[in-house]
């Protein structure tokens, strides 16, 4: 039990390394959170595709690293589920940065890529279709506070969930994805509330 809790705690600490903040402070001389969300999509908006991809890949590698070590050191399914949740939660509410983080998609992608690379690749197809739907229809009018990246990401994760469920079963494999959706939803709502507060301050 103690070993399992230690692994989960370490996963949270790894997740708390928020590369959007680290890179923006080191390379741009400012904290990206003052102008945008600290994940890959916010980094793209503020500093371009190269910077955003660097942030997104670095954040995804956190998930890969945690998944690798948990699978290597402890194949207890409960520890795997909680560690996956913890690395995403650390990204969303980072200990080192005042608990103001991102939405958790990139580290969740990392965990998914490590455990289910084929299903992740297949999930890119509906994700791309969702992106095209978002860009070429009136869908943004009905989702004014949601950008294209969350739309394609959530669509892709749902597709991966059903593929994993059909191929590997619900527990613990597909349940791993469901577990990560909980902090992703919480992180998304936290970012929404921060955006609302910013808009109120700017309007006043």
C-alpha atoms as a PDB file:
ATOM      1  CA  UNK A   1       0.000   0.000   0.000  1.00  0.00           C
ATOM      2  CA  UNK A   2       2.752   2.456   0.973  1.00  0.00           C
ATOM      3  CA  UNK A   3       4.691   1.716  -2.227  1.00  0.00           C
ATOM      4  CA  UNK A   4       1.585   2.235  -4.337  1.00  0.00           C
ATOM      5  CA  UNK A   5       0.807   5.585  -2.700  1.00  0.00           C
ATOM      6  CA  UNK A   6       4.434   6.651  -3.190  1.00  0.00           C
ATOM      7  CA  UNK A   7       4.217   5.880  -6.907  1.00  0.00           C
ATOM      8  CA  UNK A   8       0.978   7.871  -7.210  1.00  0.00           C
ATOM      9  CA  UNK A   9       2.519  10.827  -5.365  1.00  0.00           C
ATOM     10  CA  UNK A  10       5.563  10.765  -7.653  1.00  0.00           C
ATOM     11  CA  UNK A  11       3.269  10.719 -10.678  1.00  0.00           C
ATOM     12  CA  UNK A  12       1.583  13.878  -9.391  1.00  0.00           C
ATOM     13  CA  UNK A  13       4.959  15.571  -8.859  1.00  0.00           C
ATOM     14  CA  UNK A  14       6.070  14.688 -12.394  1.00  0.00           C
ATOM     15  CA  UNK A  15       2.785  16.037 -13.742  1.00  0.00           C
ATOM     16  CA  UNK A  16       3.379  19.286 -11.855  1.00  0.00           C
ATOM     17  CA  UNK A  17       6.322  20.119 -14.125  1.00  0.00           C
ATOM     18  CA  UNK A  18       4.394  22.574 -16.286  1.00  0.00           C
ATOM     19  CA  UNK A  19       6.570  23.028 -19.363  1.00  0.00           C
ATOM     20  CA  UNK A  20       4.481  25.840 -20.805  1.00  0.00           C
ATOM     21  CA  UNK A  21       5.392  27.957 -17.795  1.00  0.00           C
ATOM     22  CA  UNK A  22       8.999  26.740 -17.626  1.00  0.00           C
ATOM     23  CA  UNK A  23       9.730  27.401 -21.304  1.00  0.00           C
ATOM     24  CA  UNK A  24       7.868  30.720 -21.460  1.00  0.00           C
ATOM     25  CA  UNK A  25       9.822  32.024 -18.471  1.00  0.00           C
ATOM     26  CA  UNK A  26      13.175  30.746 -19.729  1.00  0.00           C
ATOM     27  CA  UNK A  27      12.814  31.484 -23.445  1.00  0.00           C
ATOM     28  CA  UNK A  28      10.328  34.377 -23.561  1.00  0.00           C
ATOM     29  CA  UNK A  29      10.922  36.098 -20.238  1.00  0.00           C
ATOM     30  CA  UNK A  30       7.302  35.955 -19.123  1.00  0.00           C
ATOM     31  CA  UNK A  31       4.715  33.600 -17.659  1.00  0.00           C
ATOM     32  CA  UNK A  32       2.322  32.443 -20.367  1.00  0.00           C
ATOM     33  CA  UNK A  33      -0.457  32.135 -17.797  1.00  0.00           C
ATOM     34  CA  UNK A  34      -0.696  35.924 -17.681  1.00  0.00           C
ATOM     35  CA  UNK A  35      -2.052  35.903 -21.235  1.00  0.00           C
ATOM     36  CA  UNK A  36      -3.236  32.380 -22.046  1.00  0.00           C
ATOM     37  CA  UNK A  37      -3.507  28.787 -20.887  1.00  0.00           C
ATOM     38  CA  UNK A  38      -0.127  27.077 -20.363  1.00  0.00           C
ATOM     39  CA  UNK A  39      -0.675  24.010 -22.555  1.00  0.00           C
ATOM     40  CA  UNK A  40       0.262  23.352 -26.158  1.00  0.00           C
ATOM     41  CA  UNK A  41      -2.702  25.173 -27.732  1.00  0.00           C
ATOM     42  CA  UNK A  42      -2.192  28.312 -25.628  1.00  0.00           C
ATOM     43  CA  UNK A  43       1.526  28.228 -26.440  1.00  0.00           C
ATOM     44  CA  UNK A  44       0.756  28.018 -30.154  1.00  0.00           C
ATOM     45  CA  UNK A  45      -1.558  31.023 -29.912  1.00  0.00           C
ATOM     46  CA  UNK A  46       1.004  33.116 -28.061  1.00  0.00           C
ATOM     47  CA  UNK A  47       4.361  32.041 -29.474  1.00  0.00           C
ATOM     48  CA  UNK A  48       3.775  30.027 -32.656  1.00  0.00           C
ATOM     49  CA  UNK A  49       3.700  26.428 -33.744  1.00  0.00           C
ATOM     50  CA  UNK A  50       7.325  25.589 -32.970  1.00  0.00           C
ATOM     51  CA  UNK A  51       7.069  26.710 -29.371  1.00  0.00           C
ATOM     52  CA  UNK A  52       3.643  25.122 -28.960  1.00  0.00           C
ATOM     53  CA  UNK A  53       4.793  21.763 -30.301  1.00  0.00           C
ATOM     54  CA  UNK A  54       7.784  21.840 -27.941  1.00  0.00           C
ATOM     55  CA  UNK A  55       5.464  22.412 -25.000  1.00  0.00           C
ATOM     56  CA  UNK A  56       2.906  19.808 -26.127  1.00  0.00           C
ATOM     57  CA  UNK A  57       5.499  17.093 -26.751  1.00  0.00           C
ATOM     58  CA  UNK A  58       7.228  17.800 -23.428  1.00  0.00           C
ATOM     59  CA  UNK A  59       3.929  17.601 -21.558  1.00  0.00           C
ATOM     60  CA  UNK A  60       3.006  14.368 -23.350  1.00  0.00           C
ATOM     61  CA  UNK A  61       6.358  12.844 -22.394  1.00  0.00           C
ATOM     62  CA  UNK A  62       5.398  13.274 -18.741  1.00  0.00           C
ATOM     63  CA  UNK A  63       2.556  10.839 -19.335  1.00  0.00           C
ATOM     64  CA  UNK A  64       4.813   8.423 -21.216  1.00  0.00           C
ATOM     65  CA  UNK A  65       7.411   8.535 -18.428  1.00  0.00           C
ATOM     66  CA  UNK A  66       4.883   7.892 -15.670  1.00  0.00           C
ATOM     67  CA  UNK A  67       3.170   5.089 -17.611  1.00  0.00           C
ATOM     68  CA  UNK A  68       6.522   3.422 -18.298  1.00  0.00           C
ATOM     69  CA  UNK A  69       7.756   3.477 -14.713  1.00  0.00           C
ATOM     70  CA  UNK A  70       4.412   2.446 -13.208  1.00  0.00           C
ATOM     71  CA  UNK A  71       4.105  -0.452 -15.649  1.00  0.00           C
ATOM     72  CA  UNK A  72       7.711  -1.456 -14.958  1.00  0.00           C
ATOM     73  CA  UNK A  73       7.635  -1.138 -11.171  1.00  0.00           C
ATOM     74  CA  UNK A  74       4.055  -2.045 -10.309  1.00  0.00           C
ATOM     75  CA  UNK A  75       1.482  -3.631 -12.591  1.00  0.00           C
ATOM     76  CA  UNK A  76      -1.201  -3.277  -9.946  1.00  0.00           C
ATOM     77  CA  UNK A  77      -4.218  -2.014 -11.956  1.00  0.00           C
ATOM     78  CA  UNK A  78      -5.341   0.296  -9.139  1.00  0.00           C
ATOM     79  CA  UNK A  79      -1.904   1.919  -8.980  1.00  0.00           C
ATOM     80  CA  UNK A  80      -1.925   2.295 -12.767  1.00  0.00           C
ATOM     81  CA  UNK A  81      -5.319   4.004 -12.707  1.00  0.00           C
ATOM     82  CA  UNK A  82      -4.465   6.344  -9.843  1.00  0.00           C
ATOM     83  CA  UNK A  83      -1.061   7.216 -11.301  1.00  0.00           C
ATOM     84  CA  UNK A  84      -2.623   8.097 -14.644  1.00  0.00           C
ATOM     85  CA  UNK A  85      -5.085  10.359 -12.852  1.00  0.00           C
ATOM     86  CA  UNK A  86      -2.272  11.840 -10.761  1.00  0.00           C
ATOM     87  CA  UNK A  87      -0.028  12.860 -13.653  1.00  0.00           C
ATOM     88  CA  UNK A  88      -2.973  14.605 -15.320  1.00  0.00           C
ATOM     89  CA  UNK A  89      -4.031  16.217 -12.033  1.00  0.00           C
ATOM     90  CA  UNK A  90      -0.474  17.434 -11.478  1.00  0.00           C
ATOM     91  CA  UNK A  91      -0.538  19.127 -14.873  1.00  0.00           C
ATOM     92  CA  UNK A  92      -3.884  20.760 -14.106  1.00  0.00           C
ATOM     93  CA  UNK A  93      -3.102  21.798 -10.531  1.00  0.00           C
ATOM     94  CA  UNK A  94       0.717  21.921 -10.359  1.00  0.00           C
ATOM     95  CA  UNK A  95       2.306  22.018  -6.929  1.00  0.00           C
ATOM     96  CA  UNK A  96       5.248  24.094  -8.154  1.00  0.00           C
ATOM     97  CA  UNK A  97       3.195  26.804  -9.852  1.00  0.00           C
ATOM     98  CA  UNK A  98       0.451  27.795  -7.441  1.00  0.00           C
ATOM     99  CA  UNK A  99      -1.970  25.078  -8.621  1.00  0.00           C
ATOM    100  CA  UNK A 100      -2.711  27.079 -11.804  1.00  0.00           C
ATOM    101  CA  UNK A 101      -2.157  24.700 -14.700  1.00  0.00           C
ATOM    102  CA  UNK A 102      -3.565  23.453 -17.980  1.00  0.00           C
ATOM    103  CA  UNK A 103      -6.282  21.093 -19.135  1.00  0.00           C
ATOM    104  CA  UNK A 104      -4.411  17.796 -18.893  1.00  0.00           C
ATOM    105  CA  UNK A 105      -4.802  16.589 -22.469  1.00  0.00           C
ATOM    106  CA  UNK A 106      -1.101  16.254 -23.325  1.00  0.00           C
ATOM    107  CA  UNK A 107      -0.090  14.025 -20.378  1.00  0.00           C
ATOM    108  CA  UNK A 108      -3.228  11.948 -20.975  1.00  0.00           C
ATOM    109  CA  UNK A 109      -2.106  11.507 -24.581  1.00  0.00           C
ATOM    110  CA  UNK A 110       1.277  10.367 -23.317  1.00  0.00           C
ATOM    111  CA  UNK A 111      -0.233   7.694 -21.074  1.00  0.00           C
ATOM    112  CA  UNK A 112      -2.492   6.557 -23.915  1.00  0.00           C
ATOM    113  CA  UNK A 113       0.317   6.395 -26.463  1.00  0.00           C
ATOM    114  CA  UNK A 114       2.409   4.228 -24.144  1.00  0.00           C
ATOM    115  CA  UNK A 115      -0.332   1.716 -23.342  1.00  0.00           C
ATOM    116  CA  UNK A 116      -2.375   1.771 -26.567  1.00  0.00           C
ATOM    117  CA  UNK A 117      -0.297   3.061 -29.519  1.00  0.00           C
ATOM    118  CA  UNK A 118      -2.386   1.362 -32.220  1.00  0.00           C
ATOM    119  CA  UNK A 119      -5.699   2.565 -30.803  1.00  0.00           C
ATOM    120  CA  UNK A 120      -4.275   6.066 -30.421  1.00  0.00           C
ATOM    121  CA  UNK A 121      -3.232   6.110 -34.084  1.00  0.00           C
ATOM    122  CA  UNK A 122      -6.687   4.919 -35.180  1.00  0.00           C
ATOM    123  CA  UNK A 123      -8.316   7.542 -32.955  1.00  0.00           C
ATOM    124  CA  UNK A 124      -6.599  10.267 -34.964  1.00  0.00           C
ATOM    125  CA  UNK A 125      -9.062   9.665 -37.822  1.00  0.00           C
ATOM    126  CA  UNK A 126     -12.261  10.740 -35.984  1.00  0.00           C
ATOM    127  CA  UNK A 127     -10.249  13.462 -34.257  1.00  0.00           C
ATOM    128  CA  UNK A 128      -9.292  14.908 -37.648  1.00  0.00           C
ATOM    129  CA  UNK A 129     -12.902  14.675 -38.822  1.00  0.00           C
ATOM    130  CA  UNK A 130     -14.040  16.536 -35.689  1.00  0.00           C
ATOM    131  CA  UNK A 131     -11.457  19.241 -36.391  1.00  0.00           C
ATOM    132  CA  UNK A 132     -12.666  19.666 -39.965  1.00  0.00           C
ATOM    133  CA  UNK A 133     -16.256  19.800 -38.730  1.00  0.00           C
ATOM    134  CA  UNK A 134     -15.300  22.509 -36.266  1.00  0.00           C
ATOM    135  CA  UNK A 135     -13.436  24.577 -38.852  1.00  0.00           C
ATOM    136  CA  UNK A 136     -15.944  24.359 -41.704  1.00  0.00           C
ATOM    137  CA  UNK A 137     -19.342  24.445 -39.983  1.00  0.00           C
ATOM    138  CA  UNK A 138     -21.177  26.686 -37.527  1.00  0.00           C
ATOM    139  CA  UNK A 139     -20.177  24.450 -34.598  1.00  0.00           C
ATOM    140  CA  UNK A 140     -18.003  27.190 -32.988  1.00  0.00           C
ATOM    141  CA  UNK A 141     -21.135  29.305 -32.573  1.00  0.00           C
ATOM    142  CA  UNK A 142     -22.522  26.669 -30.205  1.00  0.00           C
ATOM    143  CA  UNK A 143     -19.187  26.221 -28.401  1.00  0.00           C
ATOM    144  CA  UNK A 144     -17.987  29.830 -27.992  1.00  0.00           C
ATOM    145  CA  UNK A 145     -15.546  29.069 -25.163  1.00  0.00           C
ATOM    146  CA  UNK A 146     -14.143  25.852 -26.635  1.00  0.00           C
ATOM    147  CA  UNK A 147     -11.371  25.888 -29.216  1.00  0.00           C
ATOM    148  CA  UNK A 148     -10.626  23.279 -31.899  1.00  0.00           C
ATOM    149  CA  UNK A 149      -7.922  21.499 -29.879  1.00  0.00           C
ATOM    150  CA  UNK A 150     -10.254  20.364 -27.059  1.00  0.00           C
ATOM    151  CA  UNK A 151     -12.877  19.309 -29.616  1.00  0.00           C
ATOM    152  CA  UNK A 152     -10.538  17.078 -31.613  1.00  0.00           C
ATOM    153  CA  UNK A 153      -8.792  15.840 -28.442  1.00  0.00           C
ATOM    154  CA  UNK A 154     -11.946  14.742 -26.641  1.00  0.00           C
ATOM    155  CA  UNK A 155     -13.288  13.166 -29.842  1.00  0.00           C
ATOM    156  CA  UNK A 156     -10.049  11.251 -30.288  1.00  0.00           C
ATOM    157  CA  UNK A 157      -9.994  10.064 -26.669  1.00  0.00           C
ATOM    158  CA  UNK A 158     -13.590   8.841 -26.892  1.00  0.00           C
ATOM    159  CA  UNK A 159     -12.762   6.926 -30.069  1.00  0.00           C
ATOM    160  CA  UNK A 160      -9.712   5.390 -28.388  1.00  0.00           C
ATOM    161  CA  UNK A 161     -11.849   4.454 -25.384  1.00  0.00           C
ATOM    162  CA  UNK A 162     -14.287   2.414 -27.500  1.00  0.00           C
ATOM    163  CA  UNK A 163     -11.452   0.797 -29.458  1.00  0.00           C
ATOM    164  CA  UNK A 164      -9.641  -0.197 -26.265  1.00  0.00           C
ATOM    165  CA  UNK A 165     -12.880  -1.442 -24.696  1.00  0.00           C
ATOM    166  CA  UNK A 166     -13.589  -3.674 -27.681  1.00  0.00           C
ATOM    167  CA  UNK A 167     -10.052  -5.001 -27.955  1.00  0.00           C
ATOM    168  CA  UNK A 168      -8.876  -5.250 -24.324  1.00  0.00           C
ATOM    169  CA  UNK A 169     -11.983  -5.042 -22.155  1.00  0.00           C
ATOM    170  CA  UNK A 170     -13.271  -2.473 -19.718  1.00  0.00           C
ATOM    171  CA  UNK A 171     -11.090  -3.068 -16.669  1.00  0.00           C
ATOM    172  CA  UNK A 172      -8.391  -2.002 -16.241  1.00  0.00           C
ATOM    173  CA  UNK A 173      -7.629  -0.948 -19.805  1.00  0.00           C
ATOM    174  CA  UNK A 174     -10.581   1.189 -20.930  1.00  0.00           C
ATOM    175  CA  UNK A 175     -11.116   2.227 -17.304  1.00  0.00           C
ATOM    176  CA  UNK A 176      -7.679   3.863 -17.447  1.00  0.00           C
ATOM    177  CA  UNK A 177      -8.990   6.323 -20.041  1.00  0.00           C
ATOM    178  CA  UNK A 178     -12.150   7.006 -18.045  1.00  0.00           C
ATOM    179  CA  UNK A 179     -10.042   7.704 -14.962  1.00  0.00           C
ATOM    180  CA  UNK A 180      -8.044  10.350 -16.836  1.00  0.00           C
ATOM    181  CA  UNK A 181     -11.199  12.012 -18.141  1.00  0.00           C
ATOM    182  CA  UNK A 182     -12.128  13.023 -14.592  1.00  0.00           C
ATOM    183  CA  UNK A 183      -9.166  15.399 -13.997  1.00  0.00           C
ATOM    184  CA  UNK A 184      -9.373  16.500 -17.646  1.00  0.00           C
ATOM    185  CA  UNK A 185     -12.971  17.622 -17.071  1.00  0.00           C
ATOM    186  CA  UNK A 186     -11.974  19.330 -13.834  1.00  0.00           C
ATOM    187  CA  UNK A 187      -9.022  21.059 -15.468  1.00  0.00           C
ATOM    188  CA  UNK A 188     -11.154  22.246 -18.361  1.00  0.00           C
ATOM    189  CA  UNK A 189     -13.707  23.700 -15.981  1.00  0.00           C
ATOM    190  CA  UNK A 190     -10.954  25.415 -13.974  1.00  0.00           C
ATOM    191  CA  UNK A 191      -9.608  27.039 -17.139  1.00  0.00           C
ATOM    192  CA  UNK A 192     -13.123  28.119 -18.092  1.00  0.00           C
ATOM    193  CA  UNK A 193     -13.586  29.825 -14.725  1.00  0.00           C
ATOM    194  CA  UNK A 194     -10.213  31.582 -15.057  1.00  0.00           C
ATOM    195  CA  UNK A 195     -11.145  32.810 -18.528  1.00  0.00           C
ATOM    196  CA  UNK A 196     -14.458  34.119 -17.215  1.00  0.00           C
ATOM    197  CA  UNK A 197     -12.705  36.025 -14.437  1.00  0.00           C
ATOM    198  CA  UNK A 198     -10.260  37.533 -16.936  1.00  0.00           C
ATOM    199  CA  UNK A 199     -13.126  38.692 -19.155  1.00  0.00           C
ATOM    200  CA  UNK A 200     -14.872  40.317 -16.204  1.00  0.00           C
ATOM    201  CA  UNK A 201     -11.685  42.147 -15.209  1.00  0.00           C
ATOM    202  CA  UNK A 202     -11.106  43.339 -18.788  1.00  0.00           C
ATOM    203  CA  UNK A 203     -14.709  44.488 -19.110  1.00  0.00           C
ATOM    204  CA  UNK A 204     -14.659  46.457 -15.855  1.00  0.00           C
END
